Amino acid sequence: MRHRYLLPLLAIAALTLGACGQKTTQPAGDLPRIVASTSIVADVVRQVGGDKIALSTLVPVGADVHSFAPAPQDVVTVSEAQIVFVNGAGLEAFLEPLLKNAGGSAEIVELAKDIPLREMSAQDLATEDDHAAEDGQDHGGNDPHTWTDPNNVIYWTAAISESLGRIDPANAGFYAANAKAYNTKLSELDAWITQEFATIPPDQRLLVTDHAVFGYMADRYGLTQVGTIIPGGSTGAEASAQDLAVLQDQIRSLGVKAIFVGNVSNPSLAEQLAQDTGVKLVTVLTGSLTPPDGPGATYIDYMRSNVSAIASALR
């Protein structure tokens, strides 16, 4: 991350607010001032907070959280916030320097804190070869992409409801009721996903993705992550020719039917791999929702769009 560029941000923020990119912000008034790190986090916060909060989002719709660089406006937004909701688990690499520059007294709530995190393996991070052991590199670490299993988002709603109720006790019942209603929708989503993936023959439930984003989904619904184009849980990593050659062999030998590339990722490597192997290239939603007129305007829409695309490609 370009941390050094954050240092002068607070000093120039007042001069540059008008020139910053679009952000999702509601007029504050006397409402609690809440910030969410990503559009996915923001949607879940909105489902719980409703019209009782003033909500701002840091990473805009369509941007990649792994490469996001905060703007001066973000420093001001965070400095004025009462709560900043983040996924946590290392997803928001930009957060620490941003908080340092923003100051203020915002409470940072990591929504993944109580979720049993899955550990990334070499298979998640690259391909099933021996070079990880040979070069001594550690490809381990916890998977931050917790939202790809809706059962994890139920943990989120509990943390959001409790946190909002603590700073706004007059509306604690409102937040709790919204969380409960939304959890019902998440449980219904989980049941639907189970049914959809059950229509895929077990030996065809094979995922090749641009980076290791669907681990929690794979674990929950019986999919297998064969490998990734970019080694690691971040789109900021780089692929090696050796990794790509091994992944290409696996795609052919296992009969993988599709390669899935994120909507916020550079598709060039995935396009080349799909062309070389003769398999379908399918765009899915990864770290961002879509604009309101897109297929993933809300978290539930996002999940339904991805599951439909994956199931259709693998049947």
C-alpha atoms as a PDB file:
ATOM      1  CA  MET A   1       0.000   0.000   0.000  1.00  0.00           C
ATOM      2  CA  ARG A   2       1.216   3.541  -0.673  1.00  0.00           C
ATOM      3  CA  HIS A   3       1.237   4.543   2.986  1.00  0.00           C
ATOM      4  CA  ARG A   4       3.542   7.504   2.529  1.00  0.00           C
ATOM      5  CA  TYR A   5       0.873   9.304   0.515  1.00  0.00           C
ATOM      6  CA  LEU A   6      -1.450   9.279   3.527  1.00  0.00           C
ATOM      7  CA  LEU A   7       0.796  11.471   5.642  1.00  0.00           C
ATOM      8  CA  PRO A   8      -0.167  14.849   4.160  1.00  0.00           C
ATOM      9  CA  LEU A   9      -3.813  13.955   3.616  1.00  0.00           C
ATOM     10  CA  LEU A  10      -5.307  15.533   6.695  1.00  0.00           C
ATOM     11  CA  ALA A  11      -3.557  18.828   6.023  1.00  0.00           C
ATOM     12  CA  ILE A  12      -4.921  19.114   2.486  1.00  0.00           C
ATOM     13  CA  ALA A  13      -8.291  17.499   3.064  1.00  0.00           C
ATOM     14  CA  ALA A  14     -10.225  20.742   3.371  1.00  0.00           C
ATOM     15  CA  LEU A  15      -8.886  21.895  -0.010  1.00  0.00           C
ATOM     16  CA  THR A  16      -9.604  18.697  -1.883  1.00  0.00           C
ATOM     17  CA  LEU A  17     -12.929  17.375  -0.589  1.00  0.00           C
ATOM     18  CA  GLY A  18     -14.783  18.695  -3.584  1.00  0.00           C
ATOM     19  CA  ALA A  19     -12.479  16.891  -5.994  1.00  0.00           C
ATOM     20  CA  CYS A  20     -12.695  13.445  -4.429  1.00  0.00           C
ATOM     21  CA  GLY A  21     -14.427  10.473  -6.005  1.00  0.00           C
ATOM     22  CA  GLN A  22     -18.004   9.631  -5.240  1.00  0.00           C
ATOM     23  CA  LYS A  23     -18.761   8.046  -1.872  1.00  0.00           C
ATOM     24  CA  THR A  24     -21.895   6.573  -0.428  1.00  0.00           C
ATOM     25  CA  THR A  25     -22.880   9.125   2.217  1.00  0.00           C
ATOM     26  CA  GLN A  26     -26.139  10.119   3.848  1.00  0.00           C
ATOM     27  CA  PRO A  27     -26.738  13.513   5.467  1.00  0.00           C
ATOM     28  CA  ALA A  28     -25.640  13.175   9.073  1.00  0.00           C
ATOM     29  CA  GLY A  29     -27.910  15.490  11.031  1.00  0.00           C
ATOM     30  CA  ASP A  30     -28.063  14.205  14.584  1.00  0.00           C
ATOM     31  CA  LEU A  31     -27.817  10.540  13.569  1.00  0.00           C
ATOM     32  CA  PRO A  32     -24.920   8.345  14.675  1.00  0.00           C
ATOM     33  CA  ARG A  33     -22.028   8.788  12.230  1.00  0.00           C
ATOM     34  CA  ILE A  34     -21.076   5.336  10.953  1.00  0.00           C
ATOM     35  CA  VAL A  35     -18.418   4.305   8.438  1.00  0.00           C
ATOM     36  CA  ALA A  36     -18.132   0.952   6.627  1.00  0.00           C
ATOM     37  CA  SER A  37     -14.976  -0.195   4.885  1.00  0.00           C
ATOM     38  CA  THR A  38     -16.517  -1.787   1.771  1.00  0.00           C
ATOM     39  CA  SER A  39     -19.815  -1.753  -0.074  1.00  0.00           C
ATOM     40  CA  ILE A  40     -20.516  -5.299   1.153  1.00  0.00           C
ATOM     41  CA  VAL A  41     -19.985  -4.328   4.791  1.00  0.00           C
ATOM     42  CA  ALA A  42     -22.001  -1.150   4.222  1.00  0.00           C
ATOM     43  CA  ASP A  43     -25.020  -3.015   2.893  1.00  0.00           C
ATOM     44  CA  VAL A  44     -25.185  -5.303   5.929  1.00  0.00           C
ATOM     45  CA  VAL A  45     -24.755  -2.320   8.257  1.00  0.00           C
ATOM     46  CA  ARG A  46     -27.574  -0.588   6.401  1.00  0.00           C
ATOM     47  CA  GLN A  47     -29.852  -3.605   6.809  1.00  0.00           C
ATOM     48  CA  VAL A  48     -29.422  -3.327  10.588  1.00  0.00           C
ATOM     49  CA  GLY A  49     -29.127   0.433  11.013  1.00  0.00           C
ATOM     50  CA  GLY A  50     -31.791   1.488   8.535  1.00  0.00           C
ATOM     51  CA  ASP A  51     -32.665   5.169   8.635  1.00  0.00           C
ATOM     52  CA  LYS A  52     -31.400   5.589  12.199  1.00  0.00           C
ATOM     53  CA  ILE A  53     -27.766   6.031  11.154  1.00  0.00           C
ATOM     54  CA  ALA A  54     -25.739   8.256   8.815  1.00  0.00           C
ATOM     55  CA  LEU A  55     -23.634   5.789   6.844  1.00  0.00           C
ATOM     56  CA  SER A  56     -20.520   6.417   4.721  1.00  0.00           C
ATOM     57  CA  THR A  57     -18.500   3.877   2.732  1.00  0.00           C
ATOM     58  CA  LEU A  58     -14.744   4.082   2.203  1.00  0.00           C
ATOM     59  CA  VAL A  59     -14.056   1.746  -0.752  1.00  0.00           C
ATOM     60  CA  PRO A  60     -16.441   2.780  -3.546  1.00  0.00           C
ATOM     61  CA  VAL A  61     -18.588   0.357  -5.510  1.00  0.00           C
ATOM     62  CA  GLY A  62     -16.492  -1.220  -8.238  1.00  0.00           C
ATOM     63  CA  ALA A  63     -13.142  -0.629  -6.511  1.00  0.00           C
ATOM     64  CA  ASP A  64     -10.791  -3.362  -5.274  1.00  0.00           C
ATOM     65  CA  VAL A  65     -10.286  -3.359  -1.497  1.00  0.00           C
ATOM     66  CA  HIS A  66      -6.874  -4.995  -1.944  1.00  0.00           C
ATOM     67  CA  SER A  67      -5.486  -2.018  -3.894  1.00  0.00           C
ATOM     68  CA  PHE A  68      -7.583   0.802  -2.430  1.00  0.00           C
ATOM     69  CA  ALA A  69      -5.719   4.010  -1.528  1.00  0.00           C
ATOM     70  CA  PRO A  70      -7.665   6.388   0.765  1.00  0.00           C
ATOM     71  CA  ALA A  71      -8.296   9.955  -0.341  1.00  0.00           C
ATOM     72  CA  PRO A  72      -8.258  13.093   1.842  1.00  0.00           C
ATOM     73  CA  GLN A  73     -12.040  12.900   2.144  1.00  0.00           C
ATOM     74  CA  ASP A  74     -11.673   9.496   3.796  1.00  0.00           C
ATOM     75  CA  VAL A  75      -9.396  10.916   6.480  1.00  0.00           C
ATOM     76  CA  VAL A  76     -12.021  13.490   7.380  1.00  0.00           C
ATOM     77  CA  THR A  77     -14.847  10.953   7.243  1.00  0.00           C
ATOM     78  CA  VAL A  78     -13.068   8.585   9.621  1.00  0.00           C
ATOM     79  CA  SER A  79     -12.005  11.404  11.948  1.00  0.00           C
ATOM     80  CA  GLU A  80     -15.674  12.343  12.449  1.00  0.00           C
ATOM     81  CA  ALA A  81     -17.050   8.798  12.770  1.00  0.00           C
ATOM     82  CA  GLN A  82     -18.332   7.198  15.947  1.00  0.00           C
ATOM     83  CA  ILE A  83     -17.975   3.623  14.640  1.00  0.00           C
ATOM     84  CA  VAL A  84     -15.979   2.209  11.721  1.00  0.00           C
ATOM     85  CA  PHE A  85     -17.179  -1.263  10.719  1.00  0.00           C
ATOM     86  CA  VAL A  86     -14.596  -3.384   8.895  1.00  0.00           C
ATOM     87  CA  ASN A  87     -14.392  -7.011   7.849  1.00  0.00           C
ATOM     88  CA  GLY A  88     -11.009  -7.349   9.547  1.00  0.00           C
ATOM     89  CA  ALA A  89      -8.857 -10.505   9.382  1.00  0.00           C
ATOM     90  CA  GLY A  90      -6.316  -8.513   7.375  1.00  0.00           C
ATOM     91  CA  LEU A  91      -8.619  -7.591   4.484  1.00  0.00           C
ATOM     92  CA  GLU A  92      -8.354  -3.806   4.796  1.00  0.00           C
ATOM     93  CA  ALA A  93      -4.591  -3.296   4.482  1.00  0.00           C
ATOM     94  CA  PHE A  94      -5.134   0.436   4.064  1.00  0.00           C
ATOM     95  CA  LEU A  95      -6.824   0.829   7.445  1.00  0.00           C
ATOM     96  CA  GLU A  96      -3.972   1.233   9.928  1.00  0.00           C
ATOM     97  CA  PRO A  97      -2.292   4.252   8.290  1.00  0.00           C
ATOM     98  CA  LEU A  98      -5.695   5.783   7.590  1.00  0.00           C
ATOM     99  CA  LEU A  99      -6.669   5.580  11.258  1.00  0.00           C
ATOM    100  CA  LYS A 100      -3.314   7.002  12.289  1.00  0.00           C
ATOM    101  CA  ASN A 101      -3.796  10.034  10.083  1.00  0.00           C
ATOM    102  CA  ALA A 102      -7.466  10.504  10.888  1.00  0.00           C
ATOM    103  CA  GLY A 103      -7.169  10.543  14.658  1.00  0.00           C
ATOM    104  CA  GLY A 104     -10.580  11.002  16.243  1.00  0.00           C
ATOM    105  CA  SER A 105     -12.275   8.646  18.663  1.00  0.00           C
ATOM    106  CA  ALA A 106     -14.030   6.168  16.376  1.00  0.00           C
ATOM    107  CA  GLU A 107     -14.568   2.646  17.650  1.00  0.00           C
ATOM    108  CA  ILE A 108     -13.225   0.075  15.182  1.00  0.00           C
ATOM    109  CA  VAL A 109     -15.472  -2.990  14.988  1.00  0.00           C
ATOM    110  CA  GLU A 110     -13.972  -6.015  13.213  1.00  0.00           C
ATOM    111  CA  LEU A 111     -16.913  -8.078  12.031  1.00  0.00           C
ATOM    112  CA  ALA A 112     -14.804 -11.202  11.494  1.00  0.00           C
ATOM    113  CA  LYS A 113     -13.530 -11.164  15.086  1.00  0.00           C
ATOM    114  CA  ASP A 114     -15.809 -13.948  16.367  1.00  0.00           C
ATOM    115  CA  ILE A 115     -15.853 -15.995  13.157  1.00  0.00           C
ATOM    116  CA  PRO A 116     -13.786 -19.211  13.118  1.00  0.00           C
ATOM    117  CA  LEU A 117     -11.340 -18.215  10.398  1.00  0.00           C
ATOM    118  CA  ARG A 118     -10.194 -20.777   7.878  1.00  0.00           C
ATOM    119  CA  GLU A 119      -6.479 -21.126   7.281  1.00  0.00           C
ATOM    120  CA  MET A 120      -5.330 -20.729   3.723  1.00  0.00           C
ATOM    121  CA  SER A 121      -3.357 -23.637   2.367  1.00  0.00           C
ATOM    122  CA  ALA A 122      -0.934 -23.815  -0.540  1.00  0.00           C
ATOM    123  CA  GLN A 123      -3.801 -25.271  -2.572  1.00  0.00           C
ATOM    124  CA  ASP A 124      -5.900 -22.172  -1.862  1.00  0.00           C
ATOM    125  CA  LEU A 125      -3.066 -19.820  -2.649  1.00  0.00           C
ATOM    126  CA  ALA A 126      -1.515 -21.299  -5.747  1.00  0.00           C
ATOM    127  CA  THR A 127      -1.543 -24.745  -7.306  1.00  0.00           C
ATOM    128  CA  GLU A 128      -0.802 -28.242  -6.068  1.00  0.00           C
ATOM    129  CA  ASP A 129       2.926 -28.302  -6.780  1.00  0.00           C
ATOM    130  CA  ASP A 130       6.111 -28.678  -4.802  1.00  0.00           C
ATOM    131  CA  HIS A 131       7.668 -25.265  -5.292  1.00  0.00           C
ATOM    132  CA  ALA A 132       6.205 -23.806  -2.090  1.00  0.00           C
ATOM    133  CA  ALA A 133       8.164 -26.338  -0.087  1.00  0.00           C
ATOM    134  CA  GLU A 134      11.262 -25.972  -2.273  1.00  0.00           C
ATOM    135  CA  ASP A 135      11.543 -22.193  -2.041  1.00  0.00           C
ATOM    136  CA  GLY A 136      10.697 -22.076   1.646  1.00  0.00           C
ATOM    137  CA  GLN A 137       7.882 -19.577   1.194  1.00  0.00           C
ATOM    138  CA  ASP A 138       5.025 -19.574   3.665  1.00  0.00           C
ATOM    139  CA  HIS A 139       1.744 -19.315   1.790  1.00  0.00           C
ATOM    140  CA  GLY A 140      -0.310 -19.691   4.957  1.00  0.00           C
ATOM    141  CA  GLY A 141      -2.493 -17.187   6.772  1.00  0.00           C
ATOM    142  CA  ASN A 142      -6.146 -16.690   7.556  1.00  0.00           C
ATOM    143  CA  ASP A 143      -8.688 -16.225   4.794  1.00  0.00           C
ATOM    144  CA  PRO A 144     -10.335 -12.794   5.181  1.00  0.00           C
ATOM    145  CA  HIS A 145     -13.183 -13.347   2.682  1.00  0.00           C
ATOM    146  CA  THR A 146     -15.673 -14.320   5.374  1.00  0.00           C
ATOM    147  CA  TRP A 147     -18.808 -13.054   3.620  1.00  0.00           C
ATOM    148  CA  THR A 148     -18.828 -15.794   0.956  1.00  0.00           C
ATOM    149  CA  ASP A 149     -20.687 -17.957   3.499  1.00  0.00           C
ATOM    150  CA  PRO A 150     -23.892 -16.177   4.617  1.00  0.00           C
ATOM    151  CA  ASN A 151     -23.735 -17.962   7.964  1.00  0.00           C
ATOM    152  CA  ASN A 152     -20.696 -15.825   8.734  1.00  0.00           C
ATOM    153  CA  VAL A 153     -22.682 -12.688   8.005  1.00  0.00           C
ATOM    154  CA  ILE A 154     -24.995 -13.671  10.872  1.00  0.00           C
ATOM    155  CA  TYR A 155     -21.956 -13.041  13.099  1.00  0.00           C
ATOM    156  CA  TRP A 156     -21.694  -9.633  11.450  1.00  0.00           C
ATOM    157  CA  THR A 157     -25.280  -8.659  12.222  1.00  0.00           C
ATOM    158  CA  ALA A 158     -24.846  -9.539  15.890  1.00  0.00           C
ATOM    159  CA  ALA A 159     -21.762  -7.313  16.160  1.00  0.00           C
ATOM    160  CA  ILE A 160     -23.446  -4.498  14.238  1.00  0.00           C
ATOM    161  CA  SER A 161     -26.637  -4.575  16.302  1.00  0.00           C
ATOM    162  CA  GLU A 162     -24.744  -4.671  19.593  1.00  0.00           C
ATOM    163  CA  SER A 163     -22.400  -1.838  18.584  1.00  0.00           C
ATOM    164  CA  LEU A 164     -25.134   0.449  17.282  1.00  0.00           C
ATOM    165  CA  GLY A 165     -27.282  -0.224  20.338  1.00  0.00           C
ATOM    166  CA  ARG A 166     -24.401   0.710  22.604  1.00  0.00           C
ATOM    167  CA  ILE A 167     -23.926   4.194  21.117  1.00  0.00           C
ATOM    168  CA  ASP A 168     -27.657   4.721  20.460  1.00  0.00           C
ATOM    169  CA  PRO A 169     -29.523   2.903  23.234  1.00  0.00           C
ATOM    170  CA  ALA A 170     -32.820   4.616  22.398  1.00  0.00           C
ATOM    171  CA  ASN A 171     -32.911   2.622  19.144  1.00  0.00           C
ATOM    172  CA  ALA A 172     -31.318  -0.622  20.409  1.00  0.00           C
ATOM    173  CA  GLY A 173     -34.595  -2.511  19.974  1.00  0.00           C
ATOM    174  CA  PHE A 174     -34.894  -1.261  16.384  1.00  0.00           C
ATOM    175  CA  TYR A 175     -31.402  -2.528  15.548  1.00  0.00           C
ATOM    176  CA  ALA A 176     -32.008  -5.889  17.235  1.00  0.00           C
ATOM    177  CA  ALA A 177     -35.294  -6.393  15.375  1.00  0.00           C
ATOM    178  CA  ASN A 178     -33.681  -5.532  12.036  1.00  0.00           C
ATOM    179  CA  ALA A 179     -30.800  -7.920  12.705  1.00  0.00           C
ATOM    180  CA  LYS A 180     -33.215 -10.722  13.561  1.00  0.00           C
ATOM    181  CA  ALA A 181     -35.277 -10.143  10.407  1.00  0.00           C
ATOM    182  CA  TYR A 182     -32.162 -10.006   8.245  1.00  0.00           C
ATOM    183  CA  ASN A 183     -30.789 -13.188   9.801  1.00  0.00           C
ATOM    184  CA  THR A 184     -33.944 -14.967   8.648  1.00  0.00           C
ATOM    185  CA  LYS A 185     -33.182 -13.837   5.097  1.00  0.00           C
ATOM    186  CA  LEU A 186     -29.593 -15.038   5.457  1.00  0.00           C
ATOM    187  CA  SER A 187     -30.771 -18.463   6.595  1.00  0.00           C
ATOM    188  CA  GLU A 188     -33.129 -18.635   3.622  1.00  0.00           C
ATOM    189  CA  LEU A 189     -30.223 -17.665   1.357  1.00  0.00           C
ATOM    190  CA  ASP A 190     -28.096 -20.452   2.848  1.00  0.00           C
ATOM    191  CA  ALA A 191     -30.833 -23.023   2.154  1.00  0.00           C
ATOM    192  CA  TRP A 192     -31.195 -21.793  -1.440  1.00  0.00           C
ATOM    193  CA  ILE A 193     -27.439 -21.964  -2.063  1.00  0.00           C
ATOM    194  CA  THR A 194     -27.361 -25.520  -0.740  1.00  0.00           C
ATOM    195  CA  GLN A 195     -30.096 -26.509  -3.190  1.00  0.00           C
ATOM    196  CA  GLU A 196     -28.397 -24.790  -6.128  1.00  0.00           C
ATOM    197  CA  PHE A 197     -24.998 -26.400  -5.605  1.00  0.00           C
ATOM    198  CA  ALA A 198     -26.621 -29.794  -5.040  1.00  0.00           C
ATOM    199  CA  THR A 199     -27.567 -29.713  -8.748  1.00  0.00           C
ATOM    200  CA  ILE A 200     -23.866 -29.831  -9.733  1.00  0.00           C
ATOM    201  CA  PRO A 201     -22.394 -33.340 -10.062  1.00  0.00           C
ATOM    202  CA  PRO A 202     -19.900 -33.786  -7.193  1.00  0.00           C
ATOM    203  CA  ASP A 203     -16.933 -34.383  -9.497  1.00  0.00           C
ATOM    204  CA  GLN A 204     -17.646 -31.090 -11.304  1.00  0.00           C
ATOM    205  CA  ARG A 205     -17.672 -28.841  -8.217  1.00  0.00           C
ATOM    206  CA  LEU A 206     -14.211 -27.505  -9.042  1.00  0.00           C
ATOM    207  CA  LEU A 207     -13.256 -23.841  -8.664  1.00  0.00           C
ATOM    208  CA  VAL A 208     -10.430 -22.044 -10.419  1.00  0.00           C
ATOM    209  CA  THR A 209     -10.475 -18.350  -9.537  1.00  0.00           C
ATOM    210  CA  ASP A 210      -8.314 -15.275 -10.025  1.00  0.00           C
ATOM    211  CA  HIS A 211      -7.432 -15.252  -6.300  1.00  0.00           C
ATOM    212  CA  ALA A 212      -8.473 -17.289  -3.271  1.00  0.00           C
ATOM    213  CA  VAL A 213     -11.804 -15.614  -2.558  1.00  0.00           C
ATOM    214  CA  PHE A 214     -14.380 -18.426  -2.262  1.00  0.00           C
ATOM    215  CA  GLY A 215     -12.846 -20.571   0.479  1.00  0.00           C
ATOM    216  CA  TYR A 216     -15.689 -20.194   2.978  1.00  0.00           C
ATOM    217  CA  MET A 217     -18.238 -20.874   0.251  1.00  0.00           C
ATOM    218  CA  ALA A 218     -16.307 -23.957  -0.858  1.00  0.00           C
ATOM    219  CA  ASP A 219     -16.060 -25.311   2.686  1.00  0.00           C
ATOM    220  CA  ARG A 220     -19.742 -24.758   3.420  1.00  0.00           C
ATOM    221  CA  TYR A 221     -21.222 -26.140   0.198  1.00  0.00           C
ATOM    222  CA  GLY A 222     -18.843 -28.925  -0.826  1.00  0.00           C
ATOM    223  CA  LEU A 223     -16.860 -27.216  -3.573  1.00  0.00           C
ATOM    224  CA  THR A 224     -13.134 -27.726  -4.196  1.00  0.00           C
ATOM    225  CA  GLN A 225     -10.727 -24.886  -4.858  1.00  0.00           C
ATOM    226  CA  VAL A 226      -8.402 -26.426  -7.446  1.00  0.00           C
ATOM    227  CA  GLY A 227      -6.140 -23.387  -7.658  1.00  0.00           C
ATOM    228  CA  THR A 228      -5.829 -19.679  -8.248  1.00  0.00           C
ATOM    229  CA  ILE A 229      -4.339 -17.643 -11.061  1.00  0.00           C
ATOM    230  CA  ILE A 230      -2.796 -15.153  -8.645  1.00  0.00           C
ATOM    231  CA  PRO A 231      -1.194 -16.867  -5.632  1.00  0.00           C
ATOM    232  CA  GLY A 232      -2.649 -15.495  -2.428  1.00  0.00           C
ATOM    233  CA  GLY A 233      -5.769 -14.057  -0.929  1.00  0.00           C
ATOM    234  CA  SER A 234      -5.121 -10.676  -2.527  1.00  0.00           C
ATOM    235  CA  THR A 235      -5.353  -9.431  -6.094  1.00  0.00           C
ATOM    236  CA  GLY A 236      -2.123  -7.519  -5.422  1.00  0.00           C
ATOM    237  CA  ALA A 237       0.050 -10.645  -5.689  1.00  0.00           C
ATOM    238  CA  GLU A 238       1.767 -11.759  -8.894  1.00  0.00           C
ATOM    239  CA  ALA A 239       1.481 -15.044 -10.756  1.00  0.00           C
ATOM    240  CA  SER A 240       4.564 -16.989 -11.794  1.00  0.00           C
ATOM    241  CA  ALA A 241       4.920 -18.826 -15.090  1.00  0.00           C
ATOM    242  CA  GLN A 242       5.490 -22.050 -13.144  1.00  0.00           C
ATOM    243  CA  ASP A 243       2.244 -21.654 -11.173  1.00  0.00           C
ATOM    244  CA  LEU A 244       0.275 -20.925 -14.336  1.00  0.00           C
ATOM    245  CA  ALA A 245       1.749 -23.926 -16.169  1.00  0.00           C
ATOM    246  CA  VAL A 246       0.840 -26.289 -13.318  1.00  0.00           C
ATOM    247  CA  LEU A 247      -2.656 -24.780 -13.033  1.00  0.00           C
ATOM    248  CA  GLN A 248      -3.136 -25.215 -16.766  1.00  0.00           C
ATOM    249  CA  ASP A 249      -2.237 -28.901 -16.462  1.00  0.00           C
ATOM    250  CA  GLN A 250      -4.660 -29.322 -13.555  1.00  0.00           C
ATOM    251  CA  ILE A 251      -7.503 -27.698 -15.454  1.00  0.00           C
ATOM    252  CA  ARG A 252      -7.005 -30.171 -18.285  1.00  0.00           C
ATOM    253  CA  SER A 253      -6.424 -33.279 -16.156  1.00  0.00           C
ATOM    254  CA  LEU A 254      -9.337 -32.660 -13.775  1.00  0.00           C
ATOM    255  CA  GLY A 255     -11.758 -31.540 -16.454  1.00  0.00           C
ATOM    256  CA  VAL A 256     -12.382 -28.138 -14.865  1.00  0.00           C
ATOM    257  CA  LYS A 257     -15.297 -26.537 -16.697  1.00  0.00           C
ATOM    258  CA  ALA A 258     -14.816 -22.835 -15.969  1.00  0.00           C
ATOM    259  CA  ILE A 259     -12.440 -20.153 -14.719  1.00  0.00           C
ATOM    260  CA  PHE A 260     -13.976 -17.465 -12.506  1.00  0.00           C
ATOM    261  CA  VAL A 261     -12.604 -13.931 -12.516  1.00  0.00           C
ATOM    262  CA  GLY A 262     -13.671 -11.116 -10.206  1.00  0.00           C
ATOM    263  CA  ASN A 263     -15.462  -8.012 -11.412  1.00  0.00           C
ATOM    264  CA  VAL A 264     -12.811  -5.756  -9.835  1.00  0.00           C
ATOM    265  CA  SER A 265      -9.793  -7.719 -11.123  1.00  0.00           C
ATOM    266  CA  ASN A 266      -7.667  -7.405 -14.239  1.00  0.00           C
ATOM    267  CA  PRO A 267      -8.962 -10.273 -16.419  1.00  0.00           C
ATOM    268  CA  SER A 268      -6.006 -10.542 -18.815  1.00  0.00           C
ATOM    269  CA  LEU A 269      -4.322 -13.588 -17.239  1.00  0.00           C
ATOM    270  CA  ALA A 270      -7.652 -15.350 -16.784  1.00  0.00           C
ATOM    271  CA  GLU A 271      -8.568 -14.662 -20.409  1.00  0.00           C
ATOM    272  CA  GLN A 272      -5.272 -16.127 -21.609  1.00  0.00           C
ATOM    273  CA  LEU A 273      -5.647 -19.200 -19.392  1.00  0.00           C
ATOM    274  CA  ALA A 274      -9.202 -19.776 -20.606  1.00  0.00           C
ATOM    275  CA  GLN A 275      -8.059 -19.463 -24.208  1.00  0.00           C
ATOM    276  CA  ASP A 276      -5.141 -21.858 -23.698  1.00  0.00           C
ATOM    277  CA  THR A 277      -7.269 -24.499 -21.961  1.00  0.00           C
ATOM    278  CA  GLY A 278     -10.476 -24.059 -23.932  1.00  0.00           C
ATOM    279  CA  VAL A 279     -12.701 -23.570 -20.870  1.00  0.00           C
ATOM    280  CA  LYS A 280     -15.298 -20.930 -20.148  1.00  0.00           C
ATOM    281  CA  LEU A 281     -14.367 -17.639 -18.521  1.00  0.00           C
ATOM    282  CA  VAL A 282     -17.071 -16.465 -16.105  1.00  0.00           C
ATOM    283  CA  THR A 283     -17.133 -13.075 -14.379  1.00  0.00           C
ATOM    284  CA  VAL A 284     -18.287 -13.123 -10.764  1.00  0.00           C
ATOM    285  CA  LEU A 285     -18.577 -10.525  -8.020  1.00  0.00           C
ATOM    286  CA  THR A 286     -15.782 -10.572  -5.451  1.00  0.00           C
ATOM    287  CA  GLY A 287     -14.886  -7.619  -3.227  1.00  0.00           C
ATOM    288  CA  SER A 288     -17.579  -5.163  -4.249  1.00  0.00           C
ATOM    289  CA  LEU A 289     -21.283  -4.864  -4.846  1.00  0.00           C
ATOM    290  CA  THR A 290     -22.566  -3.373  -8.099  1.00  0.00           C
ATOM    291  CA  PRO A 291     -24.419  -0.104  -8.753  1.00  0.00           C
ATOM    292  CA  PRO A 292     -28.166  -0.233  -7.985  1.00  0.00           C
ATOM    293  CA  ASP A 293     -29.037  -1.336 -11.524  1.00  0.00           C
ATOM    294  CA  GLY A 294     -26.516  -4.204 -11.485  1.00  0.00           C
ATOM    295  CA  PRO A 295     -26.884  -7.866 -10.463  1.00  0.00           C
ATOM    296  CA  GLY A 296     -25.317  -7.387  -7.029  1.00  0.00           C
ATOM    297  CA  ALA A 297     -26.792  -4.192  -5.625  1.00  0.00           C
ATOM    298  CA  THR A 298     -27.157  -5.776  -2.168  1.00  0.00           C
ATOM    299  CA  TYR A 299     -25.237  -8.517  -0.391  1.00  0.00           C
ATOM    300  CA  ILE A 300     -28.053 -11.026  -0.920  1.00  0.00           C
ATOM    301  CA  ASP A 301     -28.256 -10.081  -4.613  1.00  0.00           C
ATOM    302  CA  TYR A 302     -24.452 -10.439  -4.814  1.00  0.00           C
ATOM    303  CA  MET A 303     -24.578 -13.965  -3.396  1.00  0.00           C
ATOM    304  CA  ARG A 304     -27.482 -15.042  -5.589  1.00  0.00           C
ATOM    305  CA  SER A 305     -25.733 -13.686  -8.682  1.00  0.00           C
ATOM    306  CA  ASN A 306     -22.488 -15.535  -7.870  1.00  0.00           C
ATOM    307  CA  VAL A 307     -24.145 -18.823  -6.964  1.00  0.00           C
ATOM    308  CA  SER A 308     -26.268 -18.760 -10.112  1.00  0.00           C
ATOM    309  CA  ALA A 309     -23.211 -18.018 -12.281  1.00  0.00           C
ATOM    310  CA  ILE A 310     -21.066 -20.711 -10.632  1.00  0.00           C
ATOM    311  CA  ALA A 311     -23.762 -23.379 -10.650  1.00  0.00           C
ATOM    312  CA  SER A 312     -24.675 -22.691 -14.279  1.00  0.00           C
ATOM    313  CA  ALA A 313     -21.036 -22.867 -15.386  1.00  0.00           C
ATOM    314  CA  LEU A 314     -20.234 -26.101 -13.530  1.00  0.00           C
ATOM    315  CA  ARG A 315     -23.304 -28.200 -14.334  1.00  0.00           C
END
